[in-house]
Amino acid sequence: MEGTKRANIKIGAQVSIVLKQDQRSGDLTEGVVEKILTNSPNHPHGIKVRLDSGEVGRVKQIH
């Protein structure tokens, strides 16, 4: 499922995000969505979320 649409992402969902420092390498970090930070209905680079671990990044995959 696409990580560019806010409607696809729910709090508690298992996702893979790319952290700001990993944008060049594309390394993904897995976790559970704690908060959705992007207010717009979609974003071309992925919706920004905070994971329950405290890490912040843009959603690339929804599991």
PDB file of N, CA and C in Angstrom:
ATOM      1  N   MET A   1       0.843  -1.183   0.000  1.00  0.00           N
ATOM      2  CA  MET A   1       0.000   0.000   0.000  1.00  0.00           C
ATOM      3  C   MET A   1       0.890   1.248   0.000  1.00  0.00           C
ATOM      4  N   GLU A   2       0.372   2.304  -0.577  1.00  0.00           N
ATOM      5  CA  GLU A   2       1.144   3.536  -0.713  1.00  0.00           C
ATOM      6  C   GLU A   2       1.296   4.297   0.599  1.00  0.00           C
ATOM      7  N   GLY A   3       2.494   4.805   0.824  1.00  0.00           N
ATOM      8  CA  GLY A   3       2.751   5.630   1.993  1.00  0.00           C
ATOM      9  C   GLY A   3       2.593   7.108   1.705  1.00  0.00           C
ATOM     10  N   THR A   4       2.119   7.444   0.479  1.00  0.00           N
ATOM     11  CA  THR A   4       1.975   8.852   0.102  1.00  0.00           C
ATOM     12  C   THR A   4       0.589   9.401   0.424  1.00  0.00           C
ATOM     13  N   LYS A   5      -0.346   8.536   0.821  1.00  0.00           N
ATOM     14  CA  LYS A   5      -1.712   8.970   1.128  1.00  0.00           C
ATOM     15  C   LYS A   5      -1.982   8.829   2.618  1.00  0.00           C
ATOM     16  N   ARG A   6      -2.375   9.933   3.238  1.00  0.00           N
ATOM     17  CA  ARG A   6      -2.614   9.959   4.687  1.00  0.00           C
ATOM     18  C   ARG A   6      -3.722   8.985   5.089  1.00  0.00           C
ATOM     19  N   ALA A   7      -4.737   8.828   4.235  1.00  0.00           N
ATOM     20  CA  ALA A   7      -5.879   7.956   4.544  1.00  0.00           C
ATOM     21  C   ALA A   7      -5.462   6.491   4.691  1.00  0.00           C
ATOM     22  N   ASN A   8      -4.342   6.094   4.076  1.00  0.00           N
ATOM     23  CA  ASN A   8      -3.870   4.702   4.139  1.00  0.00           C
ATOM     24  C   ASN A   8      -3.177   4.377   5.459  1.00  0.00           C
ATOM     25  N   ILE A   9      -2.795   5.396   6.216  1.00  0.00           N
ATOM     26  CA  ILE A   9      -1.962   5.189   7.407  1.00  0.00           C
ATOM     27  C   ILE A   9      -2.806   5.361   8.663  1.00  0.00           C
ATOM     28  N   LYS A  10      -2.740   4.380   9.529  1.00  0.00           N
ATOM     29  CA  LYS A  10      -3.496   4.408  10.783  1.00  0.00           C
ATOM     30  C   LYS A  10      -2.526   4.322  11.959  1.00  0.00           C
ATOM     31  N   ILE A  11      -2.882   4.947  13.073  1.00  0.00           N
ATOM     32  CA  ILE A  11      -2.087   4.824  14.294  1.00  0.00           C
ATOM     33  C   ILE A  11      -2.120   3.364  14.726  1.00  0.00           C
ATOM     34  N   GLY A  12      -0.960   2.819  15.046  1.00  0.00           N
ATOM     35  CA  GLY A  12      -0.849   1.411  15.416  1.00  0.00           C
ATOM     36  C   GLY A  12      -0.474   0.514  14.252  1.00  0.00           C
ATOM     37  N   ALA A  13      -0.399   1.074  13.039  1.00  0.00           N
ATOM     38  CA  ALA A  13      -0.046   0.282  11.855  1.00  0.00           C
ATOM     39  C   ALA A  13       1.450  -0.007  11.837  1.00  0.00           C
ATOM     40  N   GLN A  14       1.812  -1.171  11.307  1.00  0.00           N
ATOM     41  CA  GLN A  14       3.215  -1.555  11.128  1.00  0.00           C
ATOM     42  C   GLN A  14       3.676  -0.965   9.793  1.00  0.00           C
ATOM     43  N   VAL A  15       4.733  -0.151   9.813  1.00  0.00           N
ATOM     44  CA  VAL A  15       5.209   0.525   8.607  1.00  0.00           C
ATOM     45  C   VAL A  15       6.731   0.481   8.514  1.00  0.00           C
ATOM     46  N   SER A  16       7.228   0.772   7.321  1.00  0.00           N
ATOM     47  CA  SER A  16       8.655   1.011   7.115  1.00  0.00           C
ATOM     48  C   SER A  16       8.805   2.465   6.709  1.00  0.00           C
ATOM     49  N   ILE A  17       9.715   3.170   7.388  1.00  0.00           N
ATOM     50  CA  ILE A  17       9.947   4.583   7.090  1.00  0.00           C
ATOM     51  C   ILE A  17      11.400   4.793   6.691  1.00  0.00           C
ATOM     52  N   VAL A  18      11.653   5.925   6.037  1.00  0.00           N
ATOM     53  CA  VAL A  18      13.026   6.344   5.786  1.00  0.00           C
ATOM     54  C   VAL A  18      13.274   7.569   6.660  1.00  0.00           C
ATOM     55  N   LEU A  19      14.302   7.473   7.507  1.00  0.00           N
ATOM     56  CA  LEU A  19      14.681   8.575   8.390  1.00  0.00           C
ATOM     57  C   LEU A  19      15.376   9.654   7.575  1.00  0.00           C
ATOM     58  N   LYS A  20      15.368  10.890   8.063  1.00  0.00           N
ATOM     59  CA  LYS A  20      15.999  12.017   7.363  1.00  0.00           C
ATOM     60  C   LYS A  20      17.454  11.697   7.004  1.00  0.00           C
ATOM     61  N   GLN A  21      18.204  11.138   7.961  1.00  0.00           N
ATOM     62  CA  GLN A  21      19.618  10.861   7.707  1.00  0.00           C
ATOM     63  C   GLN A  21      19.821   9.681   6.756  1.00  0.00           C
ATOM     64  N   ASP A  22      18.762   8.907   6.488  1.00  0.00           N
ATOM     65  CA  ASP A  22      18.863   7.752   5.587  1.00  0.00           C
ATOM     66  C   ASP A  22      18.281   8.027   4.204  1.00  0.00           C
ATOM     67  N   GLN A  23      17.893   9.271   3.921  1.00  0.00           N
ATOM     68  CA  GLN A  23      17.253   9.566   2.637  1.00  0.00           C
ATOM     69  C   GLN A  23      18.170   9.280   1.454  1.00  0.00           C
ATOM     70  N   ARG A  24      19.458   9.544   1.589  1.00  0.00           N
ATOM     71  CA  ARG A  24      20.396   9.271   0.492  1.00  0.00           C
ATOM     72  C   ARG A  24      20.572   7.781   0.253  1.00  0.00           C
ATOM     73  N   SER A  25      20.718   7.017   1.341  1.00  0.00           N
ATOM     74  CA  SER A  25      20.956   5.572   1.216  1.00  0.00           C
ATOM     75  C   SER A  25      19.658   4.805   0.980  1.00  0.00           C
ATOM     76  N   GLY A  26      18.538   5.346   1.443  1.00  0.00           N
ATOM     77  CA  GLY A  26      17.256   4.663   1.290  1.00  0.00           C
ATOM     78  C   GLY A  26      17.017   3.565   2.312  1.00  0.00           C
ATOM     79  N   ASP A  27      17.862   3.499   3.360  1.00  0.00           N
ATOM     80  CA  ASP A  27      17.684   2.483   4.406  1.00  0.00           C
ATOM     81  C   ASP A  27      16.330   2.675   5.089  1.00  0.00           C
ATOM     82  N   LEU A  28      15.621   1.562   5.287  1.00  0.00           N
ATOM     83  CA  LEU A  28      14.299   1.611   5.903  1.00  0.00           C
ATOM     84  C   LEU A  28      14.362   1.209   7.368  1.00  0.00           C
ATOM     85  N   THR A  29      13.493   1.801   8.167  1.00  0.00           N
ATOM     86  CA  THR A  29      13.361   1.494   9.587  1.00  0.00           C
ATOM     87  C   THR A  29      11.927   1.039   9.819  1.00  0.00           C
ATOM     88  N   GLU A  30      11.748  -0.125  10.437  1.00  0.00           N
ATOM     89  CA  GLU A  30      10.402  -0.640  10.697  1.00  0.00           C
ATOM     90  C   GLU A  30       9.937  -0.242  12.086  1.00  0.00           C
ATOM     91  N   GLY A  31       8.620  -0.064  12.212  1.00  0.00           N
ATOM     92  CA  GLY A  31       8.060   0.250  13.513  1.00  0.00           C
ATOM     93  C   GLY A  31       6.558   0.416  13.455  1.00  0.00           C
ATOM     94  N   VAL A  32       5.997   0.854  14.571  1.00  0.00           N
ATOM     95  CA  VAL A  32       4.552   1.041  14.716  1.00  0.00           C
ATOM     96  C   VAL A  32       4.262   2.535  14.813  1.00  0.00           C
ATOM     97  N   VAL A  33       3.288   3.007  14.025  1.00  0.00           N
ATOM     98  CA  VAL A  33       2.933   4.427  13.990  1.00  0.00           C
ATOM     99  C   VAL A  33       2.339   4.858  15.331  1.00  0.00           C
ATOM    100  N   GLU A  34       2.966   5.888  15.932  1.00  0.00           N
ATOM    101  CA  GLU A  34       2.446   6.482  17.167  1.00  0.00           C
ATOM    102  C   GLU A  34       1.640   7.735  16.851  1.00  0.00           C
ATOM    103  N   LYS A  35       2.139   8.536  15.875  1.00  0.00           N
ATOM    104  CA  LYS A  35       1.465   9.789  15.525  1.00  0.00           C
ATOM    105  C   LYS A  35       1.721  10.101  14.059  1.00  0.00           C
ATOM    106  N   ILE A  36       0.700  10.622  13.380  1.00  0.00           N
ATOM    107  CA  ILE A  36       0.835  11.070  11.993  1.00  0.00           C
ATOM    108  C   ILE A  36       1.135  12.564  12.038  1.00  0.00           C
ATOM    109  N   LEU A  37       2.261  12.967  11.451  1.00  0.00           N
ATOM    110  CA  LEU A  37       2.714  14.357  11.551  1.00  0.00           C
ATOM    111  C   LEU A  37       2.330  15.209  10.344  1.00  0.00           C
ATOM    112  N   THR A  38       2.112  14.599   9.175  1.00  0.00           N
ATOM    113  CA  THR A  38       1.726  15.350   7.977  1.00  0.00           C
ATOM    114  C   THR A  38       0.232  15.643   8.033  1.00  0.00           C
ATOM    115  N   ASN A  39      -0.134  16.905   7.818  1.00  0.00           N
ATOM    116  CA  ASN A  39      -1.545  17.294   7.857  1.00  0.00           C
ATOM    117  C   ASN A  39      -2.239  17.184   6.503  1.00  0.00           C
ATOM    118  N   SER A  40      -1.494  17.313   5.401  1.00  0.00           N
ATOM    119  CA  SER A  40      -2.118  17.272   4.081  1.00  0.00           C
ATOM    120  C   SER A  40      -2.560  15.844   3.736  1.00  0.00           C
ATOM    121  N   PRO A  41      -3.566  15.690   2.858  1.00  0.00           N
ATOM    122  CA  PRO A  41      -4.082  14.351   2.537  1.00  0.00           C
ATOM    123  C   PRO A  41      -3.084  13.455   1.811  1.00  0.00           C
ATOM    124  N   ASN A  42      -2.107  14.057   1.124  1.00  0.00           N
ATOM    125  CA  ASN A  42      -1.054  13.254   0.498  1.00  0.00           C
ATOM    126  C   ASN A  42       0.232  14.062   0.399  1.00  0.00           C
ATOM    127  N   HIS A  43       1.342  13.333   0.196  1.00  0.00           N
ATOM    128  CA  HIS A  43       2.655  13.962   0.079  1.00  0.00           C
ATOM    129  C   HIS A  43       3.485  13.100  -0.864  1.00  0.00           C
ATOM    130  N   PRO A  44       4.119  13.707  -1.869  1.00  0.00           N
ATOM    131  CA  PRO A  44       4.841  12.908  -2.879  1.00  0.00           C
ATOM    132  C   PRO A  44       5.991  12.064  -2.331  1.00  0.00           C
ATOM    133  N   HIS A  45       6.600  12.468  -1.208  1.00  0.00           N
ATOM    134  CA  HIS A  45       7.732  11.707  -0.658  1.00  0.00           C
ATOM    135  C   HIS A  45       7.330  10.780   0.481  1.00  0.00           C
ATOM    136  N   GLY A  46       6.045  10.759   0.817  1.00  0.00           N
ATOM    137  CA  GLY A  46       5.565   9.901   1.903  1.00  0.00           C
ATOM    138  C   GLY A  46       5.080  10.730   3.078  1.00  0.00           C
ATOM    139  N   ILE A  47       4.096  10.198   3.773  1.00  0.00           N
ATOM    140  CA  ILE A  47       3.523  10.872   4.940  1.00  0.00           C
ATOM    141  C   ILE A  47       4.506  10.766   6.105  1.00  0.00           C
ATOM    142  N   LYS A  48       4.753  11.879   6.779  1.00  0.00           N
ATOM    143  CA  LYS A  48       5.690  11.886   7.909  1.00  0.00           C
ATOM    144  C   LYS A  48       4.976  11.399   9.164  1.00  0.00           C
ATOM    145  N   VAL A  49       5.616  10.442   9.851  1.00  0.00           N
ATOM    146  CA  VAL A  49       5.046   9.872  11.073  1.00  0.00           C
ATOM    147  C   VAL A  49       6.113   9.770  12.153  1.00  0.00           C
ATOM    148  N   ARG A  50       5.643   9.624  13.403  1.00  0.00           N
ATOM    149  CA  ARG A  50       6.531   9.296  14.520  1.00  0.00           C
ATOM    150  C   ARG A  50       6.204   7.873  14.930  1.00  0.00           C
ATOM    151  N   LEU A  51       7.244   7.040  15.039  1.00  0.00           N
ATOM    152  CA  LEU A  51       7.062   5.663  15.478  1.00  0.00           C
ATOM    153  C   LEU A  51       7.006   5.603  16.998  1.00  0.00           C
ATOM    154  N   ASP A  52       6.561   4.465  17.533  1.00  0.00           N
ATOM    155  CA  ASP A  52       6.500   4.313  18.993  1.00  0.00           C
ATOM    156  C   ASP A  52       7.890   4.331  19.621  1.00  0.00           C
ATOM    157  N   SER A  53       8.928   4.158  18.799  1.00  0.00           N
ATOM    158  CA  SER A  53      10.315   4.236  19.280  1.00  0.00           C
ATOM    159  C   SER A  53      10.802   5.687  19.369  1.00  0.00           C
ATOM    160  N   GLY A  54       9.994   6.633  18.841  1.00  0.00           N
ATOM    161  CA  GLY A  54      10.362   8.042  18.853  1.00  0.00           C
ATOM    162  C   GLY A  54      11.003   8.508  17.559  1.00  0.00           C
ATOM    163  N   GLU A  55      11.302   7.577  16.657  1.00  0.00           N
ATOM    164  CA  GLU A  55      11.933   7.945  15.385  1.00  0.00           C
ATOM    165  C   GLU A  55      10.898   8.584  14.459  1.00  0.00           C
ATOM    166  N   VAL A  56      11.353   9.577  13.676  1.00  0.00           N
ATOM    167  CA  VAL A  56      10.478  10.305  12.760  1.00  0.00           C
ATOM    168  C   VAL A  56      10.994  10.122  11.342  1.00  0.00           C
ATOM    169  N   GLY A  57      10.078   9.827  10.424  1.00  0.00           N
ATOM    170  CA  GLY A  57      10.461   9.677   9.027  1.00  0.00           C
ATOM    171  C   GLY A  57       9.236   9.589   8.144  1.00  0.00           C
ATOM    172  N   ARG A  58       9.483   9.400   6.843  1.00  0.00           N
ATOM    173  CA  ARG A  58       8.396   9.331   5.866  1.00  0.00           C
ATOM    174  C   ARG A  58       8.094   7.874   5.512  1.00  0.00           C
ATOM    175  N   VAL A  59       6.805   7.552   5.460  1.00  0.00           N
ATOM    176  CA  VAL A  59       6.366   6.174   5.218  1.00  0.00           C
ATOM    177  C   VAL A  59       6.666   5.768   3.781  1.00  0.00           C
ATOM    178  N   LYS A  60       7.345   4.632   3.626  1.00  0.00           N
ATOM    179  CA  LYS A  60       7.634   4.060   2.311  1.00  0.00           C
ATOM    180  C   LYS A  60       6.812   2.802   2.064  1.00  0.00           C
ATOM    181  N   GLN A  61       6.531   2.037   3.123  1.00  0.00           N
ATOM    182  CA  GLN A  61       5.742   0.812   2.989  1.00  0.00           C
ATOM    183  C   GLN A  61       4.818   0.675   4.185  1.00  0.00           C
ATOM    184  N   ILE A  62       3.615   0.150   3.908  1.00  0.00           N
ATOM    185  CA  ILE A  62       2.671  -0.179   4.976  1.00  0.00           C
ATOM    186  C   ILE A  62       2.524  -1.689   4.968  1.00  0.00           C
ATOM    187  N   HIS A  63       2.699  -2.328   6.113  1.00  0.00           N
ATOM    188  CA  HIS A  63       2.662  -3.802   6.186  1.00  0.00           C
ATOM    189  C   HIS A  63       1.303  -4.311   6.606  1.00  0.00           C
TER     190      HIS A  63
END
